[in-house]
All heavy atoms as atom14 arrays in JSON, in Angstrom:
{
  "sequence": "LGTLCMVLNAVVIDPCKRWKGIWRWWSDDMLECCYSLEYVRKHGID",
  "atom14_mask": [
    [1, 1, 1, 1, 1, 1, 1, 1, 0, 0, 0, 0, 0, 0],
    [1, 1, 1, 1, 0, 0, 0, 0, 0, 0, 0, 0, 0, 0],
    [1, 1, 1, 1, 1, 1, 1, 0, 0, 0, 0, 0, 0, 0],
    [1, 1, 1, 1, 1, 1, 1, 1, 0, 0, 0, 0, 0, 0],
    [1, 1, 1, 1, 1, 1, 0, 0, 0, 0, 0, 0, 0, 0],
    [1, 1, 1, 1, 1, 1, 1, 1, 0, 0, 0, 0, 0, 0],
    [1, 1, 1, 1, 1, 1, 1, 0, 0, 0, 0, 0, 0, 0],
    [1, 1, 1, 1, 1, 1, 1, 1, 0, 0, 0, 0, 0, 0],
    [1, 1, 1, 1, 1, 1, 1, 1, 0, 0, 0, 0, 0, 0],
    [1, 1, 1, 1, 1, 0, 0, 0, 0, 0, 0, 0, 0, 0],
    [1, 1, 1, 1, 1, 1, 1, 0, 0, 0, 0, 0, 0, 0],
    [1, 1, 1, 1, 1, 1, 1, 0, 0, 0, 0, 0, 0, 0],
    [1, 1, 1, 1, 1, 1, 1, 1, 0, 0, 0, 0, 0, 0],
    [1, 1, 1, 1, 1, 1, 1, 1, 0, 0, 0, 0, 0, 0],
    [1, 1, 1, 1, 1, 1, 1, 0, 0, 0, 0, 0, 0, 0],
    [1, 1, 1, 1, 1, 1, 0, 0, 0, 0, 0, 0, 0, 0],
    [1, 1, 1, 1, 1, 1, 1, 1, 1, 0, 0, 0, 0, 0],
    [1, 1, 1, 1, 1, 1, 1, 1, 1, 1, 1, 0, 0, 0],
    [1, 1, 1, 1, 1, 1, 1, 1, 1, 1, 1, 1, 1, 1],
    [1, 1, 1, 1, 1, 1, 1, 1, 1, 0, 0, 0, 0, 0],
    [1, 1, 1, 1, 0, 0, 0, 0, 0, 0, 0, 0, 0, 0],
    [1, 1, 1, 1, 1, 1, 1, 1, 0, 0, 0, 0, 0, 0],
    [1, 1, 1, 1, 1, 1, 1, 1, 1, 1, 1, 1, 1, 1],
    [1, 1, 1, 1, 1, 1, 1, 1, 1, 1, 1, 0, 0, 0],
    [1, 1, 1, 1, 1, 1, 1, 1, 1, 1, 1, 1, 1, 1],
    [1, 1, 1, 1, 1, 1, 1, 1, 1, 1, 1, 1, 1, 1],
    [1, 1, 1, 1, 1, 1, 0, 0, 0, 0, 0, 0, 0, 0],
    [1, 1, 1, 1, 1, 1, 1, 1, 0, 0, 0, 0, 0, 0],
    [1, 1, 1, 1, 1, 1, 1, 1, 0, 0, 0, 0, 0, 0],
    [1, 1, 1, 1, 1, 1, 1, 1, 0, 0, 0, 0, 0, 0],
    [1, 1, 1, 1, 1, 1, 1, 1, 0, 0, 0, 0, 0, 0],
    [1, 1, 1, 1, 1, 1, 1, 1, 1, 0, 0, 0, 0, 0],
    [1, 1, 1, 1, 1, 1, 0, 0, 0, 0, 0, 0, 0, 0],
    [1, 1, 1, 1, 1, 1, 0, 0, 0, 0, 0, 0, 0, 0],
    [1, 1, 1, 1, 1, 1, 1, 1, 1, 1, 1, 1, 0, 0],
    [1, 1, 1, 1, 1, 1, 0, 0, 0, 0, 0, 0, 0, 0],
    [1, 1, 1, 1, 1, 1, 1, 1, 0, 0, 0, 0, 0, 0],
    [1, 1, 1, 1, 1, 1, 1, 1, 1, 0, 0, 0, 0, 0],
    [1, 1, 1, 1, 1, 1, 1, 1, 1, 1, 1, 1, 0, 0],
    [1, 1, 1, 1, 1, 1, 1, 0, 0, 0, 0, 0, 0, 0],
    [1, 1, 1, 1, 1, 1, 1, 1, 1, 1, 1, 0, 0, 0],
    [1, 1, 1, 1, 1, 1, 1, 1, 1, 0, 0, 0, 0, 0],
    [1, 1, 1, 1, 1, 1, 1, 1, 1, 1, 0, 0, 0, 0],
    [1, 1, 1, 1, 0, 0, 0, 0, 0, 0, 0, 0, 0, 0],
    [1, 1, 1, 1, 1, 1, 1, 1, 0, 0, 0, 0, 0, 0],
    [1, 1, 1, 1, 1, 1, 1, 1, 0, 0, 0, 0, 0, 0]
  ],
  "atom14_positions": [
    [[-7.21, -1.39, -1.53], [-5.86, -1.17, -1.0], [-5.49, -2.23, 0.03], [-4.38, -2.75, 0.02], [-5.75, 0.22, -0.38], [-6.08, 1.43, -1.28], [-5.79, 2.72, -0.54], [-5.33, 1.37, -2.59], [0.0, 0.0, 0.0], [0.0, 0.0, 0.0], [0.0, 0.0, 0.0], [0.0, 0.0, 0.0], [0.0, 0.0, 0.0], [0.0, 0.0, 0.0]],
    [[-6.42, -2.55, 0.91], [-6.16, -3.58, 1.92], [-5.89, -4.93, 1.28], [-4.99, -5.67, 1.69], [0.0, 0.0, 0.0], [0.0, 0.0, 0.0], [0.0, 0.0, 0.0], [0.0, 0.0, 0.0], [0.0, 0.0, 0.0], [0.0, 0.0, 0.0], [0.0, 0.0, 0.0], [0.0, 0.0, 0.0], [0.0, 0.0, 0.0], [0.0, 0.0, 0.0]],
    [[-6.67, -5.27, 0.26], [-6.48, -6.53, -0.46], [-5.12, -6.56, -1.13], [-4.4, -7.56, -1.07], [-7.6, -6.71, -1.5], [-8.86, -6.79, -0.81], [-7.4, -7.98, -2.31], [0.0, 0.0, 0.0], [0.0, 0.0, 0.0], [0.0, 0.0, 0.0], [0.0, 0.0, 0.0], [0.0, 0.0, 0.0], [0.0, 0.0, 0.0], [0.0, 0.0, 0.0]],
    [[-4.75, -5.46, -1.78], [-3.44, -5.39, -2.43], [-2.3, -5.55, -1.43], [-1.34, -6.27, -1.69], [-3.28, -4.05, -3.16], [-3.67, -4.03, -4.62], [-3.54, -2.63, -5.2], [-2.84, -5.01, -5.42], [0.0, 0.0, 0.0], [0.0, 0.0, 0.0], [0.0, 0.0, 0.0], [0.0, 0.0, 0.0], [0.0, 0.0, 0.0], [0.0, 0.0, 0.0]],
    [[-2.41, -4.91, -0.28], [-1.36, -5.04, 0.75], [-1.22, -6.48, 1.2], [-0.1, -6.98, 1.35], [-1.67, -4.15, 1.95], [-1.38, -2.41, 1.62], [0.0, 0.0, 0.0], [0.0, 0.0, 0.0], [0.0, 0.0, 0.0], [0.0, 0.0, 0.0], [0.0, 0.0, 0.0], [0.0, 0.0, 0.0], [0.0, 0.0, 0.0], [0.0, 0.0, 0.0]],
    [[-2.34, -7.15, 1.41], [-2.29, -8.55, 1.84], [-1.54, -9.39, 0.81], [-0.66, -10.18, 1.16], [-3.71, -9.1, 2.03], [-3.72, -10.44, 2.73], [-5.34, -11.3, 2.8], [-6.47, -10.04, 3.28], [0.0, 0.0, 0.0], [0.0, 0.0, 0.0], [0.0, 0.0, 0.0], [0.0, 0.0, 0.0], [0.0, 0.0, 0.0], [0.0, 0.0, 0.0]],
    [[-1.86, -9.21, -0.46], [-1.23, -10.0, -1.52], [0.23, -9.59, -1.72], [1.1, -10.45, -1.88], [-2.04, -9.9, -2.83], [-1.29, -10.53, -3.99], [-3.4, -10.56, -2.66], [0.0, 0.0, 0.0], [0.0, 0.0, 0.0], [0.0, 0.0, 0.0], [0.0, 0.0, 0.0], [0.0, 0.0, 0.0], [0.0, 0.0, 0.0], [0.0, 0.0, 0.0]],
    [[0.53, -8.3, -1.7], [1.92, -7.85, -1.86], [2.82, -8.41, -0.77], [3.94, -8.84, -1.04], [1.98, -6.32, -1.85], [1.43, -5.62, -3.1], [1.2, -4.14, -2.83], [2.36, -5.81, -4.29], [0.0, 0.0, 0.0], [0.0, 0.0, 0.0], [0.0, 0.0, 0.0], [0.0, 0.0, 0.0], [0.0, 0.0, 0.0], [0.0, 0.0, 0.0]],
    [[2.33, -8.45, 0.46], [3.1, -9.04, 1.55], [3.17, -10.56, 1.42], [4.19, -11.17, 1.73], [2.52, -8.63, 2.9], [2.81, -7.18, 3.24], [3.89, -6.68, 2.97], [1.84, -6.49, 3.81], [0.0, 0.0, 0.0], [0.0, 0.0, 0.0], [0.0, 0.0, 0.0], [0.0, 0.0, 0.0], [0.0, 0.0, 0.0], [0.0, 0.0, 0.0]],
    [[2.09, -11.19, 0.93], [2.06, -12.65, 0.79], [3.06, -13.13, -0.26], [3.67, -14.19, -0.1], [0.65, -13.11, 0.42], [0.0, 0.0, 0.0], [0.0, 0.0, 0.0], [0.0, 0.0, 0.0], [0.0, 0.0, 0.0], [0.0, 0.0, 0.0], [0.0, 0.0, 0.0], [0.0, 0.0, 0.0], [0.0, 0.0, 0.0], [0.0, 0.0, 0.0]],
    [[3.23, -12.37, -1.34], [4.16, -12.8, -2.39], [5.56, -12.21, -2.19], [6.44, -12.38, -3.01], [3.63, -12.47, -3.82], [2.33, -13.2, -4.09], [3.49, -10.98, -4.05], [0.0, 0.0, 0.0], [0.0, 0.0, 0.0], [0.0, 0.0, 0.0], [0.0, 0.0, 0.0], [0.0, 0.0, 0.0], [0.0, 0.0, 0.0], [0.0, 0.0, 0.0]],
    [[5.74, -11.53, -1.07], [7.04, -11.01, -0.63], [7.66, -10.05, -1.66], [8.76, -10.26, -2.14], [8.03, -12.16, -0.27], [9.2, -11.61, 0.52], [7.35, -13.26, 0.5], [0.0, 0.0, 0.0], [0.0, 0.0, 0.0], [0.0, 0.0, 0.0], [0.0, 0.0, 0.0], [0.0, 0.0, 0.0], [0.0, 0.0, 0.0], [0.0, 0.0, 0.0]],
    [[6.9, -9.01, -1.97], [7.44, -7.93, -2.79], [7.95, -6.85, -1.85], [7.23, -6.4, -0.96], [6.38, -7.36, -3.75], [6.02, -8.4, -4.81], [6.89, -6.07, -4.41], [4.96, -7.98, -5.79], [0.0, 0.0, 0.0], [0.0, 0.0, 0.0], [0.0, 0.0, 0.0], [0.0, 0.0, 0.0], [0.0, 0.0, 0.0], [0.0, 0.0, 0.0]],
    [[9.18, -6.47, -2.04], [9.79, -5.44, -1.19], [9.21, -4.07, -1.58], [9.29, -3.67, -2.73], [11.3, -5.44, -1.42], [12.06, -4.49, -0.51], [11.42, -3.62, 0.14], [13.3, -4.6, -0.44], [0.0, 0.0, 0.0], [0.0, 0.0, 0.0], [0.0, 0.0, 0.0], [0.0, 0.0, 0.0], [0.0, 0.0, 0.0], [0.0, 0.0, 0.0]],
    [[8.63, -3.33, -0.63], [8.08, -2.02, -0.96], [9.17, -0.97, -1.25], [8.88, 0.13, -1.69], [7.28, -1.63, 0.28], [7.86, -2.42, 1.39], [8.37, -3.7, 0.77], [0.0, 0.0, 0.0], [0.0, 0.0, 0.0], [0.0, 0.0, 0.0], [0.0, 0.0, 0.0], [0.0, 0.0, 0.0], [0.0, 0.0, 0.0], [0.0, 0.0, 0.0]],
    [[10.42, -1.35, -0.98], [11.57, -0.45, -1.22], [11.51, 0.83, -0.4], [12.09, 1.84, -0.76], [11.7, -0.12, -2.71], [11.99, -1.59, -3.71], [0.0, 0.0, 0.0], [0.0, 0.0, 0.0], [0.0, 0.0, 0.0], [0.0, 0.0, 0.0], [0.0, 0.0, 0.0], [0.0, 0.0, 0.0], [0.0, 0.0, 0.0], [0.0, 0.0, 0.0]],
    [[10.76, 0.78, 0.67], [10.77, 1.87, 1.65], [10.32, 1.31, 2.99], [9.7, 0.24, 3.06], [9.89, 3.04, 1.21], [8.45, 2.71, 0.91], [7.75, 3.94, 0.39], [6.41, 3.59, -0.24], [5.75, 4.74, -0.79], [0.0, 0.0, 0.0], [0.0, 0.0, 0.0], [0.0, 0.0, 0.0], [0.0, 0.0, 0.0], [0.0, 0.0, 0.0]],
    [[10.65, 2.02, 4.02], [10.32, 1.55, 5.37], [8.88, 1.85, 5.72], [8.35, 2.9, 5.39], [11.25, 2.21, 6.39], [12.67, 1.73, 6.26], [13.56, 2.44, 7.24], [14.93, 1.98, 7.08], [15.95, 2.54, 7.7], [15.76, 3.56, 8.51], [17.16, 2.07, 7.52], [0.0, 0.0, 0.0], [0.0, 0.0, 0.0], [0.0, 0.0, 0.0]],
    [[8.29, 0.89, 6.41], [6.94, 1.06, 6.92], [7.02, 1.81, 8.25], [6.59, 2.94, 8.37], [6.29, -0.31, 7.06], [5.03, -0.35, 7.85], [3.87, 0.31, 7.57], [4.78, -1.09, 9.04], [2.92, 0.03, 8.52], [3.46, -0.83, 9.43], [5.56, -1.95, 9.82], [2.89, -1.41, 10.57], [4.99, -2.53, 10.93], [3.66, -2.26, 11.3]],
    [[7.65, 1.2, 9.23], [7.9, 1.82, 10.54], [9.21, 1.28, 11.07], [9.52, 0.11, 10.87], [6.76, 1.51, 11.52], [5.45, 2.17, 11.13], [4.35, 1.89, 12.12], [3.07, 2.55, 11.62], [1.94, 2.28, 12.45], [0.0, 0.0, 0.0], [0.0, 0.0, 0.0], [0.0, 0.0, 0.0], [0.0, 0.0, 0.0], [0.0, 0.0, 0.0]],
    [[9.95, 2.12, 11.74], [11.25, 1.69, 12.26], [12.13, 1.21, 11.12], [12.27, 1.88, 10.11], [0.0, 0.0, 0.0], [0.0, 0.0, 0.0], [0.0, 0.0, 0.0], [0.0, 0.0, 0.0], [0.0, 0.0, 0.0], [0.0, 0.0, 0.0], [0.0, 0.0, 0.0], [0.0, 0.0, 0.0], [0.0, 0.0, 0.0], [0.0, 0.0, 0.0]],
    [[12.66, 0.01, 11.25], [13.52, -0.55, 10.2], [12.77, -1.5, 9.27], [13.35, -2.05, 8.34], [14.73, -1.29, 10.83], [14.24, -2.45, 11.72], [15.62, -0.34, 11.59], [15.34, -3.4, 12.15], [0.0, 0.0, 0.0], [0.0, 0.0, 0.0], [0.0, 0.0, 0.0], [0.0, 0.0, 0.0], [0.0, 0.0, 0.0], [0.0, 0.0, 0.0]],
    [[11.46, -1.71, 9.52], [10.72, -2.74, 8.8], [10.14, -2.24, 7.49], [9.51, -1.18, 7.43], [9.62, -3.32, 9.7], [10.22, -4.0, 10.87], [10.82, -5.23, 10.9], [10.32, -3.46, 12.19], [11.28, -5.49, 12.16], [10.99, -4.43, 12.99], [9.92, -2.28, 12.79], [11.26, -4.25, 14.32], [10.19, -2.08, 14.12], [10.85, -3.06, 14.87]],
    [[10.34, -3.05, 6.47], [9.78, -2.77, 5.16], [8.57, -3.67, 4.98], [8.7, -4.89, 4.88], [10.85, -3.04, 4.09], [11.93, -1.98, 4.13], [13.28, -2.49, 3.7], [13.43, -2.74, 2.3], [14.27, -2.08, 1.51], [14.98, -1.08, 1.98], [14.38, -2.4, 0.25], [0.0, 0.0, 0.0], [0.0, 0.0, 0.0], [0.0, 0.0, 0.0]],
    [[7.41, -3.08, 4.98], [6.16, -3.83, 5.0], [5.1, -2.99, 4.31], [5.04, -1.77, 4.49], [5.76, -4.07, 6.46], [4.62, -5.0, 6.67], [3.34, -4.68, 6.99], [4.66, -6.42, 6.57], [2.59, -5.8, 7.1], [3.38, -6.9, 6.86], [5.67, -7.34, 6.27], [3.05, -8.25, 6.84], [5.35, -8.68, 6.26], [4.06, -9.12, 6.55]],
    [[4.26, -3.63, 3.51], [3.21, -2.9, 2.8], [2.07, -2.51, 3.74], [1.58, -3.33, 4.5], [2.64, -3.75, 1.67], [3.57, -3.9, 0.52], [4.4, -4.95, 0.27], [3.79, -2.96, -0.53], [5.12, -4.73, -0.88], [4.77, -3.51, -1.4], [3.27, -1.7, -0.84], [5.22, -2.86, -2.54], [3.71, -1.05, -1.98], [4.68, -1.62, -2.81]],
    [[1.66, -1.27, 3.65], [0.44, -0.8, 4.31], [-0.29, 0.07, 3.3], [0.32, 0.59, 2.35], [0.75, -0.03, 5.59], [1.45, 1.15, 5.3], [0.0, 0.0, 0.0], [0.0, 0.0, 0.0], [0.0, 0.0, 0.0], [0.0, 0.0, 0.0], [0.0, 0.0, 0.0], [0.0, 0.0, 0.0], [0.0, 0.0, 0.0], [0.0, 0.0, 0.0]],
    [[-1.58, 0.22, 3.48], [-2.36, 0.9, 2.44], [-1.97, 2.36, 2.21], [-2.21, 2.9, 1.13], [-3.87, 0.75, 2.67], [-4.31, 1.08, 4.06], [-3.61, 1.83, 4.77], [-5.37, 0.58, 4.47], [0.0, 0.0, 0.0], [0.0, 0.0, 0.0], [0.0, 0.0, 0.0], [0.0, 0.0, 0.0], [0.0, 0.0, 0.0], [0.0, 0.0, 0.0]],
    [[-1.32, 2.99, 3.18], [-0.91, 4.38, 2.96], [0.29, 4.5, 2.02], [0.7, 5.6, 1.66], [-0.63, 5.09, 4.29], [0.49, 4.44, 5.09], [0.9, 3.31, 4.77], [0.93, 5.06, 6.07], [0.0, 0.0, 0.0], [0.0, 0.0, 0.0], [0.0, 0.0, 0.0], [0.0, 0.0, 0.0], [0.0, 0.0, 0.0], [0.0, 0.0, 0.0]],
    [[0.85, 3.36, 1.57], [1.96, 3.37, 0.61], [1.48, 3.31, -0.84], [2.27, 3.46, -1.77], [2.88, 2.18, 0.85], [3.62, 2.2, 2.15], [4.6, 0.68, 2.26], [5.56, 1.01, 3.72], [0.0, 0.0, 0.0], [0.0, 0.0, 0.0], [0.0, 0.0, 0.0], [0.0, 0.0, 0.0], [0.0, 0.0, 0.0], [0.0, 0.0, 0.0]],
    [[0.21, 3.04, -1.06], [-0.3, 2.76, -2.4], [-0.87, 4.01, -3.07], [-2.06, 4.12, -3.32], [-1.37, 1.66, -2.33], [-0.89, 0.34, -1.73], [-2.05, -0.62, -1.57], [0.19, -0.28, -2.6], [0.0, 0.0, 0.0], [0.0, 0.0, 0.0], [0.0, 0.0, 0.0], [0.0, 0.0, 0.0], [0.0, 0.0, 0.0], [0.0, 0.0, 0.0]],
    [[0.01, 4.94, -3.4], [-0.43, 6.19, -4.03], [0.11, 6.4, -5.43], [0.17, 7.5, -5.91], [-0.01, 7.38, -3.16], [-0.9, 7.61, -1.98], [-0.75, 9.01, -1.39], [0.22, 9.24, -0.67], [-1.61, 9.85, -1.67], [0.0, 0.0, 0.0], [0.0, 0.0, 0.0], [0.0, 0.0, 0.0], [0.0, 0.0, 0.0], [0.0, 0.0, 0.0]],
    [[0.52, 5.33, -6.12], [1.18, 5.53, -7.41], [0.23, 5.94, -8.53], [0.63, 6.59, -9.46], [1.98, 4.3, -7.81], [0.98, 2.83, -7.96], [0.0, 0.0, 0.0], [0.0, 0.0, 0.0], [0.0, 0.0, 0.0], [0.0, 0.0, 0.0], [0.0, 0.0, 0.0], [0.0, 0.0, 0.0], [0.0, 0.0, 0.0], [0.0, 0.0, 0.0]],
    [[-1.04, 5.57, -8.46], [-1.99, 5.92, -9.52], [-2.97, 6.99, -9.07], [-3.4, 7.83, -9.86], [-2.78, 4.69, -9.95], [-1.75, 3.37, -10.62], [0.0, 0.0, 0.0], [0.0, 0.0, 0.0], [0.0, 0.0, 0.0], [0.0, 0.0, 0.0], [0.0, 0.0, 0.0], [0.0, 0.0, 0.0], [0.0, 0.0, 0.0], [0.0, 0.0, 0.0]],
    [[-3.32, 6.96, -7.8], [-4.33, 7.87, -7.26], [-3.94, 8.28, -5.85], [-3.31, 7.52, -5.14], [-5.71, 7.19, -7.22], [-6.1, 6.63, -8.56], [-5.83, 5.31, -8.89], [-6.7, 7.45, -9.52], [-6.14, 4.8, -10.14], [-7.01, 6.94, -10.77], [-6.73, 5.62, -11.07], [-7.03, 5.13, -12.31], [0.0, 0.0, 0.0], [0.0, 0.0, 0.0]],
    [[-4.35, 9.46, -5.46], [-4.05, 9.9, -4.1], [-4.95, 9.13, -3.13], [-6.04, 8.67, -3.49], [-4.31, 11.4, -3.95], [-5.7, 11.67, -3.99], [0.0, 0.0, 0.0], [0.0, 0.0, 0.0], [0.0, 0.0, 0.0], [0.0, 0.0, 0.0], [0.0, 0.0, 0.0], [0.0, 0.0, 0.0], [0.0, 0.0, 0.0], [0.0, 0.0, 0.0]],
    [[-4.48, 9.0, -1.9], [-5.29, 8.33, -0.88], [-6.59, 9.09, -0.64], [-7.62, 8.48, -0.35], [-4.5, 8.2, 0.42], [-3.29, 7.25, 0.36], [-2.52, 7.29, 1.67], [-3.72, 5.83, 0.04], [0.0, 0.0, 0.0], [0.0, 0.0, 0.0], [0.0, 0.0, 0.0], [0.0, 0.0, 0.0], [0.0, 0.0, 0.0], [0.0, 0.0, 0.0]],
    [[-6.55, 10.4, -0.77], [-7.76, 11.21, -0.59], [-8.79, 10.88, -1.66], [-9.98, 10.77, -1.4], [-7.42, 12.7, -0.6], [-8.55, 13.59, -0.14], [-9.13, 13.2, 1.21], [-8.38, 12.8, 2.12], [-10.38, 13.28, 1.35], [0.0, 0.0, 0.0], [0.0, 0.0, 0.0], [0.0, 0.0, 0.0], [0.0, 0.0, 0.0], [0.0, 0.0, 0.0]],
    [[-8.3, 10.7, -2.9], [-9.2, 10.32, -4.0], [-9.85, 8.96, -3.7], [-11.06, 8.78, -3.85], [-8.43, 10.25, -5.33], [-9.24, 9.68, -6.46], [-10.06, 10.5, -7.24], [-9.22, 8.3, -6.74], [-10.83, 9.97, -8.27], [-9.99, 7.77, -7.76], [-10.79, 8.61, -8.52], [-11.56, 8.08, -9.53], [0.0, 0.0, 0.0], [0.0, 0.0, 0.0]],
    [[-9.03, 8.0, -3.27], [-9.54, 6.67, -2.98], [-10.52, 6.72, -1.8], [-11.55, 6.05, -1.82], [-8.4, 5.66, -2.7], [-8.94, 4.3, -2.32], [-7.48, 5.54, -3.91], [0.0, 0.0, 0.0], [0.0, 0.0, 0.0], [0.0, 0.0, 0.0], [0.0, 0.0, 0.0], [0.0, 0.0, 0.0], [0.0, 0.0, 0.0], [0.0, 0.0, 0.0]],
    [[-10.22, 7.53, -0.81], [-11.11, 7.65, 0.35], [-12.49, 8.16, -0.08], [-13.52, 7.71, 0.41], [-10.51, 8.59, 1.39], [-11.32, 8.65, 2.69], [-10.61, 9.43, 3.77], [-9.59, 8.62, 4.39], [-8.28, 8.86, 4.33], [-7.82, 9.9, 3.69], [-7.42, 8.06, 4.92], [0.0, 0.0, 0.0], [0.0, 0.0, 0.0], [0.0, 0.0, 0.0]],
    [[-12.51, 9.08, -1.04], [-13.79, 9.66, -1.5], [-14.51, 8.78, -2.51], [-15.73, 8.72, -2.52], [-13.54, 11.03, -2.13], [-13.21, 12.12, -1.15], [-12.99, 13.43, -1.87], [-12.58, 14.52, -0.88], [-12.22, 15.79, -1.56], [0.0, 0.0, 0.0], [0.0, 0.0, 0.0], [0.0, 0.0, 0.0], [0.0, 0.0, 0.0], [0.0, 0.0, 0.0]],
    [[-13.75, 8.12, -3.4], [-14.36, 7.44, -4.54], [-14.16, 5.93, -4.56], [-14.8, 5.24, -5.35], [-13.81, 8.01, -5.85], [-13.92, 9.49, -5.96], [-15.12, 10.13, -6.21], [-12.99, 10.47, -5.84], [-14.92, 11.44, -6.24], [-13.64, 11.68, -6.02], [0.0, 0.0, 0.0], [0.0, 0.0, 0.0], [0.0, 0.0, 0.0], [0.0, 0.0, 0.0]],
    [[-13.24, 5.41, -3.74], [-12.89, 4.0, -3.86], [-12.1, 3.8, -5.14], [-11.62, 4.76, -5.75], [0.0, 0.0, 0.0], [0.0, 0.0, 0.0], [0.0, 0.0, 0.0], [0.0, 0.0, 0.0], [0.0, 0.0, 0.0], [0.0, 0.0, 0.0], [0.0, 0.0, 0.0], [0.0, 0.0, 0.0], [0.0, 0.0, 0.0], [0.0, 0.0, 0.0]],
    [[-11.95, 2.54, -5.57], [-11.28, 2.28, -6.85], [-12.12, 1.31, -7.67], [-12.77, 0.43, -7.11], [-9.84, 1.73, -6.67], [-9.81, 0.45, -5.83], [-8.92, 2.78, -6.08], [-8.44, -0.2, -5.75], [0.0, 0.0, 0.0], [0.0, 0.0, 0.0], [0.0, 0.0, 0.0], [0.0, 0.0, 0.0], [0.0, 0.0, 0.0], [0.0, 0.0, 0.0]],
    [[-12.12, 1.53, -8.98], [-12.87, 0.64, -9.85], [-11.94, -0.41, -10.45], [-10.75, -0.48, -10.12], [-13.66, 1.42, -10.91], [-12.78, 2.14, -11.92], [-11.64, 1.7, -12.17], [-13.24, 3.15, -12.49], [0.0, 0.0, 0.0], [0.0, 0.0, 0.0], [0.0, 0.0, 0.0], [0.0, 0.0, 0.0], [0.0, 0.0, 0.0], [0.0, 0.0, 0.0]]
  ]
}
């Protein structure tokens, strides 16, 4: 998730939602489209 956030921000993909305040910025807590964060916390991702 951390690696994906770094790359998503580097290639300037808009997350289409706010991170904090008015800023739209990728953070790992936004990456829940395939798996829940709880699942990733327990199992990681393959």
